[in-house]
Amino acid sequence: MRNALIVTLLILAGFAGGYGSYLIWDHLANEPTAGLGTDTGGAWSGTASNGAEPVAGQPLPSDIVLPDLHGDERNLTEWLGKVVVVNFWASWCPPCIREMPLFEELQQEYSASGFTFIGIAVDNRVDAAEFADKTGVTYPILHGRAEAMAAGDRFGNRRGMLPYTVLIDAEGTIRETWSGELERADLEPVIQAMLAEAGS
């Protein structure tokens, strides 16, 4: 009965919104021992503000450390001084996969100006690395399961939505968050504004 109610609520929410995203917790509940490599998560559609608690204006947490695809531990504070977009994604999340080519395009266009994307895969290393290789993603990819979800929670993603994206300015202040699939018109103007602010 409880599961049927949850599914019904998710379906209703799907009709209510315009952007597709996925519930991490639902995916993990359905695949408790799997490698998170198949798309069995519960679909959710909502606006780009659903699922987040306000964190704008707060500093970048200094203790978020996750391994990269080479196994090296990385702290997000390594990128202080750059305008950073942190994107939480997974190889089993269709809206995540759809938006990543755009992120790579923006990375190529703006990286020389002091900007970078950082992907945080809620995934195992093998699946995340295979996807990054296949799609030609060049920006840093970190990964984890519970650890990556905990990092998302620190950025306001209390409901465990994917994709989830965070904009951090060059001073290390969280400026904006989005829950759901993004398009160029959502991101490029704020990236340009943050780069202009950093250069002023």
N, C-alpha and C. Protein backbone atom coordinates (compact mmCIF):
# COMPACT_ATOMS: atom_id res chain seq x y z
N MET A 1 0.83 -1.20 0.00
CA MET A 1 0.00 0.00 0.00
C MET A 1 0.87 1.26 0.00
N ARG A 2 1.90 1.24 0.87
CA ARG A 2 2.78 2.41 0.95
C ARG A 2 3.51 2.64 -0.37
N ASN A 3 4.01 1.52 -0.98
CA ASN A 3 4.72 1.64 -2.25
C ASN A 3 3.81 2.15 -3.36
N ALA A 4 2.56 1.69 -3.35
CA ALA A 4 1.61 2.14 -4.36
C ALA A 4 1.33 3.63 -4.22
N LEU A 5 1.25 4.10 -2.97
CA LEU A 5 1.02 5.52 -2.73
C LEU A 5 2.19 6.35 -3.23
N ILE A 6 3.42 5.88 -2.97
CA ILE A 6 4.61 6.60 -3.42
C ILE A 6 4.63 6.69 -4.95
N VAL A 7 4.36 5.56 -5.61
CA VAL A 7 4.34 5.56 -7.08
C VAL A 7 3.30 6.52 -7.61
N THR A 8 2.12 6.52 -7.00
CA THR A 8 1.05 7.43 -7.43
C THR A 8 1.48 8.88 -7.29
N LEU A 9 2.09 9.22 -6.17
CA LEU A 9 2.56 10.59 -5.96
C LEU A 9 3.61 10.98 -6.98
N LEU A 10 4.51 10.06 -7.30
CA LEU A 10 5.54 10.35 -8.29
C LEU A 10 4.94 10.59 -9.67
N ILE A 11 3.95 9.78 -10.03
CA ILE A 11 3.29 9.96 -11.32
C ILE A 11 2.59 11.30 -11.39
N LEU A 12 1.86 11.66 -10.32
CA LEU A 12 1.18 12.95 -10.29
C LEU A 12 2.17 14.09 -10.39
N ALA A 13 3.28 13.97 -9.69
CA ALA A 13 4.31 15.01 -9.77
C ALA A 13 4.88 15.09 -11.17
N GLY A 14 4.98 13.95 -11.84
CA GLY A 14 5.49 13.95 -13.20
C GLY A 14 4.62 14.74 -14.15
N PHE A 15 3.30 14.67 -13.96
CA PHE A 15 2.41 15.45 -14.80
C PHE A 15 2.47 16.93 -14.47
N ALA A 16 2.86 17.27 -13.26
CA ALA A 16 2.81 18.66 -12.81
C ALA A 16 3.95 19.50 -13.34
N GLY A 17 5.08 18.90 -13.68
CA GLY A 17 6.25 19.72 -13.99
C GLY A 17 6.74 19.57 -15.40
N GLY A 18 7.79 20.34 -15.72
CA GLY A 18 8.29 20.37 -17.07
C GLY A 18 9.66 19.77 -17.25
N TYR A 19 10.45 19.60 -16.21
CA TYR A 19 11.80 19.07 -16.33
C TYR A 19 11.87 17.68 -15.73
N GLY A 20 12.56 16.76 -16.44
CA GLY A 20 12.70 15.41 -15.93
C GLY A 20 13.87 15.30 -14.99
N SER A 21 13.68 14.57 -13.91
CA SER A 21 14.79 14.24 -13.02
C SER A 21 14.48 12.93 -12.34
N TYR A 22 15.45 12.39 -11.64
CA TYR A 22 15.30 11.08 -11.03
C TYR A 22 15.58 11.13 -9.55
N LEU A 23 14.86 10.28 -8.81
CA LEU A 23 15.06 10.19 -7.37
C LEU A 23 16.15 9.17 -7.07
N ILE A 24 17.25 9.63 -6.47
CA ILE A 24 18.35 8.74 -6.16
C ILE A 24 17.91 7.67 -5.17
N TRP A 25 17.21 8.08 -4.12
CA TRP A 25 16.83 7.13 -3.08
C TRP A 25 15.96 6.02 -3.65
N ASP A 26 15.07 6.37 -4.59
CA ASP A 26 14.21 5.36 -5.17
C ASP A 26 15.04 4.36 -5.98
N HIS A 27 16.02 4.88 -6.70
CA HIS A 27 16.87 3.98 -7.49
C HIS A 27 17.65 3.03 -6.58
N LEU A 28 18.20 3.56 -5.51
CA LEU A 28 18.95 2.72 -4.60
C LEU A 28 18.06 1.70 -3.91
N ALA A 29 16.83 2.09 -3.61
CA ALA A 29 15.90 1.17 -2.97
C ALA A 29 15.56 0.01 -3.89
N ASN A 30 15.48 0.27 -5.20
CA ASN A 30 15.15 -0.77 -6.16
C ASN A 30 16.35 -1.63 -6.54
N GLU A 31 17.56 -1.09 -6.36
CA GLU A 31 18.78 -1.81 -6.73
C GLU A 31 19.75 -1.80 -5.54
N PRO A 32 19.41 -2.43 -4.44
CA PRO A 32 20.22 -2.29 -3.23
C PRO A 32 21.63 -2.85 -3.34
N THR A 33 21.87 -3.82 -4.23
CA THR A 33 23.21 -4.40 -4.33
C THR A 33 23.79 -4.25 -5.72
N ALA A 34 23.11 -3.56 -6.61
CA ALA A 34 23.58 -3.47 -7.99
C ALA A 34 24.61 -2.37 -8.13
N GLY A 35 25.21 -2.31 -9.33
CA GLY A 35 26.25 -1.32 -9.59
C GLY A 35 25.71 -0.01 -10.08
N LEU A 36 24.44 0.24 -9.95
CA LEU A 36 23.82 1.47 -10.40
C LEU A 36 24.06 1.69 -11.88
N GLY A 37 24.02 0.65 -12.69
CA GLY A 37 24.30 0.80 -14.09
C GLY A 37 23.09 0.68 -14.98
N THR A 38 21.90 0.45 -14.41
CA THR A 38 20.70 0.31 -15.22
C THR A 38 19.68 1.34 -14.79
N ASP A 39 18.80 1.66 -15.72
CA ASP A 39 17.83 2.72 -15.48
C ASP A 39 16.55 2.15 -14.91
N THR A 40 16.51 1.97 -13.58
CA THR A 40 15.30 1.48 -12.94
C THR A 40 14.79 2.47 -11.91
N GLY A 41 15.35 3.66 -11.88
CA GLY A 41 14.94 4.64 -10.89
C GLY A 41 13.55 5.16 -11.16
N GLY A 42 12.91 5.70 -10.13
CA GLY A 42 11.57 6.23 -10.28
C GLY A 42 11.61 7.60 -10.94
N ALA A 43 10.89 7.75 -12.03
CA ALA A 43 10.90 9.01 -12.76
C ALA A 43 10.16 10.09 -11.98
N TRP A 44 10.69 11.27 -12.10
CA TRP A 44 10.07 12.43 -11.45
C TRP A 44 10.24 13.61 -12.36
N SER A 45 9.19 14.36 -12.58
CA SER A 45 9.31 15.58 -13.36
C SER A 45 8.89 16.74 -12.49
N GLY A 46 9.72 17.76 -12.45
CA GLY A 46 9.40 18.93 -11.66
C GLY A 46 10.09 20.14 -12.22
N THR A 47 9.83 21.30 -11.68
CA THR A 47 10.51 22.48 -12.15
C THR A 47 11.94 22.47 -11.63
N ALA A 48 12.73 23.40 -12.15
CA ALA A 48 14.15 23.40 -11.82
C ALA A 48 14.44 23.88 -10.41
N SER A 49 13.42 24.09 -9.61
CA SER A 49 13.66 24.47 -8.22
C SER A 49 13.17 23.41 -7.24
N ASN A 50 12.52 22.36 -7.74
CA ASN A 50 11.98 21.34 -6.84
C ASN A 50 13.09 20.56 -6.15
N GLY A 51 12.84 20.16 -4.92
CA GLY A 51 13.73 19.26 -4.23
C GLY A 51 14.91 19.91 -3.55
N ALA A 52 14.99 21.24 -3.55
CA ALA A 52 16.15 21.90 -2.98
C ALA A 52 15.76 22.80 -1.82
N GLU A 53 16.62 22.84 -0.82
CA GLU A 53 16.48 23.82 0.24
C GLU A 53 17.44 24.96 -0.04
N PRO A 54 17.08 26.19 0.32
CA PRO A 54 17.93 27.34 -0.02
C PRO A 54 19.32 27.24 0.58
N VAL A 55 20.34 27.35 -0.26
CA VAL A 55 21.72 27.38 0.22
C VAL A 55 22.48 28.55 -0.40
N ALA A 56 21.81 29.32 -1.26
CA ALA A 56 22.48 30.46 -1.90
C ALA A 56 23.00 31.41 -0.83
N GLY A 57 24.22 31.87 -1.03
CA GLY A 57 24.86 32.77 -0.08
C GLY A 57 25.73 32.07 0.94
N GLN A 58 25.62 30.74 1.01
CA GLN A 58 26.45 29.98 1.95
C GLN A 58 27.79 29.65 1.31
N PRO A 59 28.84 29.48 2.12
CA PRO A 59 30.15 29.13 1.56
C PRO A 59 30.20 27.68 1.12
N LEU A 60 31.08 27.42 0.16
CA LEU A 60 31.35 26.06 -0.26
C LEU A 60 31.85 25.26 0.93
N PRO A 61 31.25 24.11 1.27
CA PRO A 61 31.77 23.30 2.37
C PRO A 61 33.21 22.90 2.08
N SER A 62 34.06 22.98 3.10
CA SER A 62 35.48 22.73 2.90
C SER A 62 35.87 21.27 3.12
N ASP A 63 34.91 20.42 3.47
CA ASP A 63 35.25 19.04 3.81
C ASP A 63 34.61 18.02 2.89
N ILE A 64 34.19 18.43 1.68
CA ILE A 64 33.64 17.48 0.74
C ILE A 64 34.81 16.90 -0.08
N VAL A 65 35.11 15.63 0.19
CA VAL A 65 36.23 14.95 -0.46
C VAL A 65 35.70 13.66 -1.09
N LEU A 66 35.94 13.52 -2.40
CA LEU A 66 35.50 12.34 -3.14
C LEU A 66 36.61 11.91 -4.09
N PRO A 67 36.66 10.63 -4.44
CA PRO A 67 37.69 10.18 -5.39
C PRO A 67 37.33 10.58 -6.82
N ASP A 68 38.37 10.86 -7.62
CA ASP A 68 38.13 11.07 -9.04
C ASP A 68 38.22 9.72 -9.76
N LEU A 69 38.14 9.72 -11.07
CA LEU A 69 38.10 8.47 -11.82
C LEU A 69 39.44 7.74 -11.83
N HIS A 70 40.50 8.41 -11.36
CA HIS A 70 41.81 7.78 -11.24
C HIS A 70 42.07 7.25 -9.83
N GLY A 71 41.10 7.47 -8.93
CA GLY A 71 41.24 7.00 -7.56
C GLY A 71 41.87 8.00 -6.62
N ASP A 72 42.17 9.22 -7.10
CA ASP A 72 42.76 10.24 -6.25
C ASP A 72 41.67 11.00 -5.49
N GLU A 73 41.89 11.21 -4.20
CA GLU A 73 40.93 11.96 -3.40
C GLU A 73 41.02 13.45 -3.74
N ARG A 74 39.86 14.05 -4.00
CA ARG A 74 39.83 15.46 -4.39
C ARG A 74 38.87 16.23 -3.48
N ASN A 75 39.30 17.41 -3.07
CA ASN A 75 38.47 18.30 -2.26
C ASN A 75 37.97 19.42 -3.16
N LEU A 76 36.69 19.73 -3.08
CA LEU A 76 36.12 20.77 -3.96
C LEU A 76 36.80 22.12 -3.78
N THR A 77 37.44 22.34 -2.64
CA THR A 77 38.11 23.63 -2.44
C THR A 77 39.33 23.78 -3.35
N GLU A 78 39.76 22.70 -4.00
CA GLU A 78 40.87 22.81 -4.96
C GLU A 78 40.56 23.80 -6.07
N TRP A 79 39.29 23.99 -6.35
CA TRP A 79 38.91 24.83 -7.48
C TRP A 79 38.51 26.24 -7.06
N LEU A 80 38.78 26.62 -5.82
CA LEU A 80 38.54 28.00 -5.40
C LEU A 80 39.33 28.94 -6.29
N GLY A 81 38.73 30.07 -6.62
CA GLY A 81 39.34 31.02 -7.55
C GLY A 81 38.76 30.92 -8.94
N LYS A 82 38.07 29.82 -9.22
CA LYS A 82 37.35 29.66 -10.48
C LYS A 82 35.85 29.76 -10.24
N VAL A 83 35.11 30.13 -11.27
CA VAL A 83 33.66 29.96 -11.25
C VAL A 83 33.40 28.49 -11.55
N VAL A 84 32.65 27.83 -10.69
CA VAL A 84 32.47 26.38 -10.78
C VAL A 84 30.99 26.02 -10.85
N VAL A 85 30.67 25.11 -11.75
CA VAL A 85 29.35 24.48 -11.75
C VAL A 85 29.54 23.02 -11.36
N VAL A 86 28.95 22.63 -10.24
CA VAL A 86 29.00 21.24 -9.77
C VAL A 86 27.70 20.57 -10.19
N ASN A 87 27.83 19.48 -10.93
CA ASN A 87 26.66 18.77 -11.44
C ASN A 87 26.63 17.36 -10.88
N PHE A 88 25.56 17.02 -10.15
CA PHE A 88 25.33 15.68 -9.64
C PHE A 88 24.56 14.90 -10.70
N TRP A 89 25.08 13.73 -11.08
CA TRP A 89 24.50 12.97 -12.19
C TRP A 89 24.72 11.49 -11.95
N ALA A 90 24.19 10.66 -12.86
CA ALA A 90 24.43 9.22 -12.82
C ALA A 90 24.27 8.67 -14.23
N SER A 91 24.97 7.58 -14.50
CA SER A 91 24.90 6.97 -15.83
C SER A 91 23.54 6.35 -16.11
N TRP A 92 22.74 6.11 -15.07
CA TRP A 92 21.41 5.53 -15.23
C TRP A 92 20.30 6.58 -15.27
N CYS A 93 20.67 7.85 -15.34
CA CYS A 93 19.70 8.95 -15.26
C CYS A 93 19.58 9.63 -16.63
N PRO A 94 18.52 9.37 -17.40
CA PRO A 94 18.40 9.93 -18.75
C PRO A 94 18.52 11.44 -18.84
N PRO A 95 17.85 12.24 -17.98
CA PRO A 95 18.03 13.68 -18.12
C PRO A 95 19.46 14.14 -17.83
N CYS A 96 20.16 13.41 -16.96
CA CYS A 96 21.58 13.73 -16.71
C CYS A 96 22.39 13.54 -17.98
N ILE A 97 22.15 12.43 -18.65
CA ILE A 97 22.89 12.10 -19.86
C ILE A 97 22.59 13.10 -20.96
N ARG A 98 21.34 13.53 -21.04
CA ARG A 98 20.97 14.49 -22.11
C ARG A 98 21.68 15.82 -21.95
N GLU A 99 21.90 16.29 -20.71
CA GLU A 99 22.46 17.62 -20.54
C GLU A 99 23.99 17.65 -20.55
N MET A 100 24.64 16.50 -20.42
CA MET A 100 26.10 16.51 -20.31
C MET A 100 26.83 16.98 -21.58
N PRO A 101 26.35 16.69 -22.79
CA PRO A 101 27.02 17.28 -23.96
C PRO A 101 27.02 18.81 -23.93
N LEU A 102 25.95 19.42 -23.46
CA LEU A 102 25.92 20.87 -23.31
C LEU A 102 26.98 21.32 -22.32
N PHE A 103 27.11 20.62 -21.20
CA PHE A 103 28.11 20.99 -20.20
C PHE A 103 29.52 20.93 -20.79
N GLU A 104 29.78 19.92 -21.59
CA GLU A 104 31.09 19.81 -22.22
C GLU A 104 31.32 20.97 -23.20
N GLU A 105 30.30 21.35 -23.94
CA GLU A 105 30.41 22.50 -24.84
C GLU A 105 30.75 23.77 -24.07
N LEU A 106 30.04 24.00 -22.96
CA LEU A 106 30.30 25.20 -22.15
C LEU A 106 31.68 25.13 -21.51
N GLN A 107 32.12 23.94 -21.12
CA GLN A 107 33.46 23.77 -20.57
C GLN A 107 34.50 24.21 -21.60
N GLN A 108 34.35 23.77 -22.83
CA GLN A 108 35.30 24.12 -23.88
C GLN A 108 35.28 25.63 -24.17
N GLU A 109 34.10 26.22 -24.11
CA GLU A 109 33.96 27.63 -24.46
C GLU A 109 34.48 28.57 -23.38
N TYR A 110 34.37 28.18 -22.09
CA TYR A 110 34.65 29.12 -21.01
C TYR A 110 35.80 28.72 -20.08
N SER A 111 36.40 27.55 -20.28
CA SER A 111 37.43 27.11 -19.34
C SER A 111 38.64 28.05 -19.33
N ALA A 112 38.96 28.65 -20.47
CA ALA A 112 40.11 29.57 -20.52
C ALA A 112 39.84 30.87 -19.77
N SER A 113 38.58 31.12 -19.43
CA SER A 113 38.22 32.36 -18.73
C SER A 113 38.14 32.19 -17.22
N GLY A 114 38.53 31.01 -16.71
CA GLY A 114 38.48 30.78 -15.27
C GLY A 114 37.21 30.10 -14.81
N PHE A 115 36.74 29.15 -15.62
CA PHE A 115 35.50 28.44 -15.34
C PHE A 115 35.73 26.94 -15.47
N THR A 116 35.03 26.14 -14.67
CA THR A 116 35.04 24.69 -14.87
C THR A 116 33.76 24.05 -14.36
N PHE A 117 33.38 22.99 -15.02
CA PHE A 117 32.39 22.06 -14.48
C PHE A 117 33.11 21.03 -13.63
N ILE A 118 32.43 20.52 -12.63
CA ILE A 118 32.86 19.34 -11.89
C ILE A 118 31.66 18.41 -11.82
N GLY A 119 31.79 17.22 -12.36
CA GLY A 119 30.72 16.25 -12.28
C GLY A 119 30.89 15.38 -11.05
N ILE A 120 29.80 15.16 -10.33
CA ILE A 120 29.83 14.21 -9.21
C ILE A 120 28.84 13.10 -9.54
N ALA A 121 29.39 11.93 -9.86
CA ALA A 121 28.57 10.81 -10.28
C ALA A 121 28.09 10.02 -9.07
N VAL A 122 26.78 9.86 -8.96
CA VAL A 122 26.20 8.98 -7.94
C VAL A 122 26.19 7.59 -8.58
N ASP A 123 27.36 6.99 -8.59
CA ASP A 123 27.60 5.83 -9.43
C ASP A 123 28.87 5.14 -8.96
N ASN A 124 29.11 3.94 -9.46
CA ASN A 124 30.39 3.31 -9.20
C ASN A 124 31.42 3.83 -10.21
N ARG A 125 32.69 3.64 -9.90
CA ARG A 125 33.75 4.21 -10.73
C ARG A 125 33.72 3.67 -12.15
N VAL A 126 33.47 2.36 -12.31
CA VAL A 126 33.51 1.75 -13.63
C VAL A 126 32.46 2.35 -14.55
N ASP A 127 31.22 2.43 -14.08
CA ASP A 127 30.16 2.97 -14.92
C ASP A 127 30.39 4.45 -15.23
N ALA A 128 30.83 5.20 -14.23
CA ALA A 128 31.08 6.63 -14.45
C ALA A 128 32.22 6.82 -15.45
N ALA A 129 33.29 6.04 -15.32
CA ALA A 129 34.43 6.17 -16.22
C ALA A 129 34.07 5.75 -17.64
N GLU A 130 33.31 4.67 -17.78
CA GLU A 130 32.91 4.23 -19.11
C GLU A 130 32.06 5.28 -19.81
N PHE A 131 31.15 5.90 -19.04
CA PHE A 131 30.30 6.92 -19.64
C PHE A 131 31.13 8.15 -20.04
N ALA A 132 32.04 8.58 -19.17
CA ALA A 132 32.86 9.74 -19.47
C ALA A 132 33.73 9.49 -20.71
N ASP A 133 34.29 8.28 -20.82
CA ASP A 133 35.10 7.95 -21.99
C ASP A 133 34.26 7.94 -23.26
N LYS A 134 33.08 7.36 -23.17
CA LYS A 134 32.22 7.23 -24.34
C LYS A 134 31.76 8.59 -24.85
N THR A 135 31.50 9.50 -23.95
CA THR A 135 30.94 10.80 -24.34
C THR A 135 32.00 11.88 -24.52
N GLY A 136 33.24 11.60 -24.16
CA GLY A 136 34.30 12.58 -24.35
C GLY A 136 34.28 13.72 -23.35
N VAL A 137 33.75 13.49 -22.16
CA VAL A 137 33.74 14.53 -21.12
C VAL A 137 35.17 14.78 -20.65
N THR A 138 35.57 16.05 -20.65
CA THR A 138 36.94 16.39 -20.26
C THR A 138 37.04 17.05 -18.90
N TYR A 139 35.93 17.50 -18.34
CA TYR A 139 36.01 18.16 -17.04
C TYR A 139 36.12 17.11 -15.93
N PRO A 140 36.56 17.51 -14.74
CA PRO A 140 36.78 16.53 -13.66
C PRO A 140 35.49 15.81 -13.26
N ILE A 141 35.60 14.51 -13.06
CA ILE A 141 34.49 13.69 -12.59
C ILE A 141 34.91 13.04 -11.27
N LEU A 142 34.14 13.29 -10.23
CA LEU A 142 34.29 12.60 -8.95
C LEU A 142 33.15 11.60 -8.83
N HIS A 143 33.25 10.68 -7.91
CA HIS A 143 32.18 9.68 -7.82
C HIS A 143 32.02 9.17 -6.40
N GLY A 144 30.89 8.52 -6.17
CA GLY A 144 30.57 7.92 -4.88
C GLY A 144 29.11 7.52 -4.90
N ARG A 145 28.68 6.83 -3.88
CA ARG A 145 27.26 6.51 -3.75
C ARG A 145 26.71 7.28 -2.56
N ALA A 146 26.77 6.69 -1.37
CA ALA A 146 26.27 7.40 -0.19
C ALA A 146 27.03 8.70 0.02
N GLU A 147 28.35 8.69 -0.28
CA GLU A 147 29.15 9.89 -0.08
C GLU A 147 28.73 11.00 -1.03
N ALA A 148 28.46 10.64 -2.28
CA ALA A 148 28.02 11.64 -3.26
C ALA A 148 26.63 12.18 -2.89
N MET A 149 25.76 11.29 -2.41
CA MET A 149 24.44 11.74 -1.99
C MET A 149 24.54 12.68 -0.80
N ALA A 150 25.44 12.36 0.13
CA ALA A 150 25.64 13.23 1.30
C ALA A 150 26.16 14.59 0.86
N ALA A 151 27.04 14.60 -0.16
CA ALA A 151 27.54 15.87 -0.68
C ALA A 151 26.39 16.68 -1.29
N GLY A 152 25.51 16.03 -2.03
CA GLY A 152 24.35 16.72 -2.59
C GLY A 152 23.48 17.32 -1.51
N ASP A 153 23.30 16.59 -0.43
CA ASP A 153 22.51 17.09 0.69
C ASP A 153 23.14 18.37 1.25
N ARG A 154 24.46 18.43 1.31
CA ARG A 154 25.13 19.63 1.80
C ARG A 154 24.87 20.84 0.90
N PHE A 155 24.56 20.56 -0.36
CA PHE A 155 24.26 21.62 -1.31
C PHE A 155 22.76 21.88 -1.45
N GLY A 156 21.97 21.35 -0.53
CA GLY A 156 20.54 21.64 -0.53
C GLY A 156 19.65 20.62 -1.18
N ASN A 157 20.22 19.54 -1.73
CA ASN A 157 19.42 18.54 -2.43
C ASN A 157 18.87 17.52 -1.44
N ARG A 158 17.94 17.97 -0.60
CA ARG A 158 17.44 17.16 0.51
C ARG A 158 16.62 15.96 0.05
N ARG A 159 16.04 16.04 -1.16
CA ARG A 159 15.18 14.96 -1.62
C ARG A 159 15.90 14.01 -2.57
N GLY A 160 17.19 14.19 -2.76
CA GLY A 160 17.95 13.26 -3.56
C GLY A 160 17.54 13.23 -5.01
N MET A 161 17.48 14.40 -5.66
CA MET A 161 17.07 14.48 -7.06
C MET A 161 18.28 14.48 -7.98
N LEU A 162 18.12 13.89 -9.15
CA LEU A 162 19.12 13.97 -10.22
C LEU A 162 18.43 14.35 -11.52
N PRO A 163 19.07 15.17 -12.35
CA PRO A 163 20.32 15.86 -12.06
C PRO A 163 20.10 17.01 -11.08
N TYR A 164 21.18 17.41 -10.43
CA TYR A 164 21.15 18.53 -9.50
C TYR A 164 22.43 19.32 -9.72
N THR A 165 22.29 20.64 -9.88
CA THR A 165 23.41 21.47 -10.33
C THR A 165 23.56 22.68 -9.43
N VAL A 166 24.81 23.02 -9.13
CA VAL A 166 25.13 24.09 -8.18
C VAL A 166 26.12 25.05 -8.83
N LEU A 167 25.85 26.34 -8.74
CA LEU A 167 26.77 27.37 -9.22
C LEU A 167 27.51 27.98 -8.03
N ILE A 168 28.84 27.98 -8.12
CA ILE A 168 29.71 28.52 -7.06
C ILE A 168 30.58 29.61 -7.66
N ASP A 169 30.62 30.78 -7.04
CA ASP A 169 31.41 31.86 -7.61
C ASP A 169 32.89 31.69 -7.27
N ALA A 170 33.70 32.59 -7.81
CA ALA A 170 35.15 32.47 -7.66
C ALA A 170 35.61 32.64 -6.22
N GLU A 171 34.77 33.24 -5.39
CA GLU A 171 35.10 33.41 -3.96
C GLU A 171 34.69 32.20 -3.12
N GLY A 172 34.05 31.22 -3.75
CA GLY A 172 33.64 30.03 -3.01
C GLY A 172 32.28 30.15 -2.35
N THR A 173 31.43 31.04 -2.89
CA THR A 173 30.07 31.21 -2.36
C THR A 173 29.07 30.55 -3.29
N ILE A 174 28.16 29.78 -2.73
CA ILE A 174 27.10 29.16 -3.52
C ILE A 174 26.14 30.26 -3.97
N ARG A 175 25.93 30.34 -5.28
CA ARG A 175 25.10 31.42 -5.81
C ARG A 175 23.72 30.95 -6.29
N GLU A 176 23.65 29.72 -6.78
CA GLU A 176 22.37 29.26 -7.32
C GLU A 176 22.38 27.73 -7.40
N THR A 177 21.19 27.13 -7.32
CA THR A 177 21.05 25.69 -7.51
C THR A 177 19.88 25.42 -8.45
N TRP A 178 19.98 24.30 -9.14
CA TRP A 178 18.89 23.86 -10.02
C TRP A 178 18.66 22.37 -9.80
N SER A 179 17.40 21.96 -9.74
CA SER A 179 17.04 20.55 -9.71
C SER A 179 16.30 20.25 -11.00
N GLY A 180 16.86 19.39 -11.83
CA GLY A 180 16.24 19.08 -13.11
C GLY A 180 17.17 19.38 -14.26
N GLU A 181 16.76 18.99 -15.44
CA GLU A 181 17.56 19.13 -16.64
C GLU A 181 17.69 20.59 -17.04
N LEU A 182 18.90 21.00 -17.42
CA LEU A 182 19.17 22.38 -17.78
C LEU A 182 19.42 22.51 -19.27
N GLU A 183 19.19 23.72 -19.78
CA GLU A 183 19.50 24.07 -21.15
C GLU A 183 20.48 25.23 -21.15
N ARG A 184 21.04 25.53 -22.31
CA ARG A 184 22.04 26.60 -22.41
C ARG A 184 21.49 27.92 -21.87
N ALA A 185 20.24 28.22 -22.17
CA ALA A 185 19.66 29.49 -21.71
C ALA A 185 19.56 29.58 -20.20
N ASP A 186 19.54 28.45 -19.51
CA ASP A 186 19.51 28.46 -18.04
C ASP A 186 20.89 28.79 -17.46
N LEU A 187 21.93 28.26 -18.08
CA LEU A 187 23.26 28.30 -17.49
C LEU A 187 24.16 29.41 -18.03
N GLU A 188 24.17 29.57 -19.35
CA GLU A 188 25.18 30.45 -19.94
C GLU A 188 25.12 31.88 -19.42
N PRO A 189 23.94 32.49 -19.28
CA PRO A 189 23.92 33.87 -18.77
C PRO A 189 24.52 34.00 -17.36
N VAL A 190 24.27 33.03 -16.49
CA VAL A 190 24.80 33.14 -15.12
C VAL A 190 26.29 32.85 -15.09
N ILE A 191 26.76 31.96 -15.95
CA ILE A 191 28.21 31.74 -16.06
C ILE A 191 28.89 33.01 -16.51
N GLN A 192 28.34 33.66 -17.54
CA GLN A 192 28.93 34.90 -18.04
C GLN A 192 28.92 35.98 -16.97
N ALA A 193 27.82 36.07 -16.23
CA ALA A 193 27.72 37.10 -15.17
C ALA A 193 28.74 36.86 -14.06
N MET A 194 28.91 35.59 -13.67
CA MET A 194 29.88 35.27 -12.63
C MET A 194 31.31 35.52 -13.08
N LEU A 195 31.62 35.21 -14.34
CA LEU A 195 32.96 35.46 -14.86
C LEU A 195 33.23 36.96 -14.95
N ALA A 196 32.21 37.73 -15.35
CA ALA A 196 32.38 39.19 -15.39
C ALA A 196 32.60 39.74 -14.01
N GLU A 197 31.86 39.21 -13.04
CA GLU A 197 32.02 39.67 -11.64
C GLU A 197 33.40 39.31 -11.12
N ALA A 198 33.89 38.12 -11.47
CA ALA A 198 35.20 37.70 -10.98
C ALA A 198 36.32 38.55 -11.60
N GLY A 199 36.08 39.05 -12.82
CA GLY A 199 37.12 39.82 -13.48
C GLY A 199 37.08 41.30 -13.18
N SER A 200 36.04 41.76 -12.46
CA SER A 200 35.89 43.19 -12.19
C SER A 200 36.73 43.63 -10.99
